[in-house]
Amino acid sequence: MQECNVSQPGSGLVSLDSLIPPRPKSQPCPCCFDLDAPTALQNTNDLAWSQSESVIRLSRSRRNLESSARYGCPICSVLLEVLMFFGLDSPGDDRARNIELRVPTDSGNVEISVDVYYMEVYVQLYMSHQKSWNRIRPLPDLSTDYLSEESLSFIKSHLQTCLASHRLCCQGDGSLPARLLEVGHRGDSHIRLIDTDSVSSARYIALSYCWGNAITVRTTLASLEDMQSGIDVSMLPQVYVDAIALTRELGIQYLWVDALCIIQDSIEDWEAESANMSDIYAGAYLTIAAASSGSADRTVLRRHPRAESYADQYYGRVFTKRVADEEGAHMLKARVIPEVGVHSKWQDRSDERIPREPWSRRTWTLQEQLLSTRLLSFSTAEMQWTCLEAVACECRSQLNHRRLFGPNPVSQITRPADAFRFWHKLIENCSDRDLTDARDKLTAISGIAAILHRKTRSRYAAGLWADNIDADLLWRRAHPTTTEPPRPGYVAPSFSWASVEGEVDYCCFKNGKLPYHKSASVEAVETVASRNAPLGRVEGGRLTIRGPLIQGCMEESSRPGVYVVRLCQMRLVEVLADGVLQQVVVAGPDGSLETTVCRWSPSGSGSTQNLSTDTEGDPGTEEEEVEATGQILIAAKPDVAGPRMRCWVMRLGYFSSASDLASPQIRDHELLILGKSPRSPGNFERVGLATYPVKEGRSSVLEEVSEQEHIATITIV
C-alpha cells in the first residue's frame, strides 16, 4: 500500500471545518471532493492511497460531514443518512467513530468504512439503474436464488473468461479421483457411482462443504455395489442435491463428493484418496463451496443470512433514497459488504478473528479452498469467484481481495522462502479452525503440504520442514490454555504445533522477515508416518537439538494458563503453556529421582497420586509419596501443578531489530521451555516458548545466569 502524507493533529494543516463555509459552486466539496479521486489528489495530502484495492482513503468525522451537508453538499448529506440508516452514526461522541471515505481510482464504487466496537463495517453505495449520480455508479442487487438466470449468467461468464484467457488456470489431463458420481440430466431421479479406471479424461465438479450431523448416506465396503447401481437423489442431503442441480445446469457430467466417492470404512482407500487431495481439487473443473451452510442438510442455492456475530446485524438491509440531478430522479442504494470469503482479512482482536461462516471455520475446507483451480463460493450474502488469476463477487467490491494469504495462489509460489512464510500463515489460520477428530489435523492440510514439498524439496516432519526447522520451531499458543485436559489420542510430537489444541502464533511480523541468529542447532528430526500417506498422521517423532541449556523452575501466575519462569531464583519471563501441565517424578539415568514439569496426559505410565502443594517441590518429600513402576514414577493431577515445578530452558536464538538507526538494538531471545518426558525416559518434551527482549547495552537476567548454562545435546519427543 502506498501512503500519501496522512496529516496528524498539530501538523499545521488548516482544519477541514474552516475550509467549508462558504464555497463557490464551481469548487469541489473539501470534505468528499465530490467523490472524485483526481480532484482529491490535487487538493489535499490528507489521504491514503491503497493501490491494491484501487481506492483513496479520506479520514473524516461525523462533524465534518454535518458541516459540509449544512453548507449545501448533497453527497455529504446522503452519506450522513446512510450512516444513520445502518446505526453507524455517533452523535455526542465524535471520537467513537472513525469514518473513512473510500473513493475509487478506477471504475469501482464509493464505500464508507466505520470503526464500530473494535471492528470495521464497510458500506457500499450504488445506483439501481443505468444512470450514475455524482460518480456513484449502478450495480445489480445481490441474488437470492442462485439458480436464477442472473446467477447462472454470473457463474458462466466467469467460467468462460477463465477458460478462454487465464493462462495460469489451464489444466492438463491429470489423474482422476478413484471414483466419481455420474449425475445425468435435469429431472433424473438417480445418480450412480463409477470407477474411473476406464475413464481416460473427464470434467468434474468437486463439492466442498461441512458435514455436520446430516451425512446419513455414505459409501462403505458394504454399500459400494449399491452405490454403483444407482443412488436415489431424494435420499441425499440437501447440499448434495444442490451440487447435483448446479452440475447439471453447467452441463458437466461428473461430481466428486468425499462421503460418496471415498470408501469411508476403508483405511487404505481413505489414506490413498487423502494423499491425492491436492490433485483432486486442483484438477476439478470447478469447486463448489457451500460456505453459508454448517450442515449438509441445509440448502446453499438460496441466500439465507443469519446473525451469528455483532457485525451480521447489518447484512441483508438495503438503504434506498430517491435523488435527482439535471437528468431527473434516480434510485440510490447502499448495502454493507460482508467481511466473509474474498472480503476477509486478519483481525487483531481474537474474538473478531474467527470466520463468521461455518465453512470457513472447518479445518478440512481450508486446503479445499486453497487447492482449487476455480472456486465458486455461496456465502451468506453473495456468490464469490476465485481462480488463480482473478477474484470477483456479486457486489464487485475489491475490499480485502487476496489479503489472508498474500497476492499469489499457492500453486504460483516459486521461492522456498515464500513457501515457508506461506506455511506459517496457513498454520496460524488452520489452527484456529474446528476439527472433529484432532488426529486428522495433519491429514487435513496434507494436500497443501504435498504442493510445498514439490516446490521446496524439503523433508516434512509432522507439520514442520527440515530446511526451515529453526523458524518452524518458533510457534507458541496465541491464548492461554483452558484447564480442560486434551482430547485422548496421539496427534504429533511435542515440538510440533500440531500437538496442541487451539490457535498458534508464528509471529509472522518478524519470523521470516527480521534477521535471526541461531544459538542452538537442530541435528536431526524424524517422524513415523504411514507409507500410504507420508504427509498425514504420524505415530511418533523425535528432534535432536544442541544448544545452551539451563535448569530453572516454573510457577503459576495470577492468570490461568500463564506461568512464570525463574532462573537461579530470578524472575525471567512469563510463558503461555502449550497445554495443561502436570508435575511428575521420573527416574534419571543413574536411578536418582527428579521432579519435572510436563504436559498432562491421561495415559501416563506409573501410579498417579496427587503431589502435596505445600512441599515447595522438595524431591525428598515426593520420593516418600510415590511408588516406583519401572523407570518412571508419576505423581500428578491435571488441574493442580506444584507451586514450583522444575523445568529446563534452551536458548534457540534471537531476532535483532531497532525502531530506527539511532535507537539501541533490541534482541528478542526465543527460549524453549522444556520438561522431562515421563513417556520416553531420558528425553524431553516441550511445554512452551517464551520471548525475552534485551535492549543493547543493558544488563539482563539472561546474561547474569549465562555462566550456569552448559551446551547440551538433547532429544525432544
Foldseek 3Di string as FASTA:
>chain_A
DAFFCADDPPNPDDDLLVPPPPDDPVAAGSQCSLLAVVSVVVPDSNWTADVLQQWIKHKDWLVNLVSNVVNPDVVSVVVNVVCVVLVNHDPPCRPQKTWIWTRGNDLDFIWIWIDHPQDIWIKTKAFCDQDDDSSRYHAHAFDQFCPDPVNVVVVVVVLVCCVPDPPVLDDDQDDEQQKWKFLDAPPDQKIAIDGCPVPRGFAEEEEQEAAPPPAPDFAAPVCNVVRRVIDGLVVGAQLVVQVSVVCNVVVGGIYDYPRHRFHPPDPLSVLQVLLCVLVHQSVHSEYEYLFQDNHSNDHLSGADQDPPDPNSVQAPDKDWDWDADPVGITIMIMGIDDCADQQPAARPDPVVRQGRTNSQQALLVPQSVLSHQWYWYRHNHWIWIDHQPDTAISSRRNHNGQHQQHDGRLLPDADLLSLVLSLQSSQQRSLAHDDPDLQFNQSSCSSSVVSSCVRPVFDDALSDTPVLNLLQQQKFAPDAADLDADDDDQRHFQSHLSRFHHGIHSPSVFRSPFDWDFQKDWDDKDWADDPSNRRGGTDYIKTKMKGWKFKWKWFDDPDHQKIFTDGPNHTFFIWRWRYQKKKFWFQAPVRDIAIAIDGDDPDFDADEAADDQPPQRDVVVVVVVWDDDPGTITYIDRNDYHRIGMKMKGFGIWGWDDPDPVAFIKTWTKIFIWIADRRDHQAIETTGIDTGIDTPPDDHPCVVCSVNIDIDIGMGD
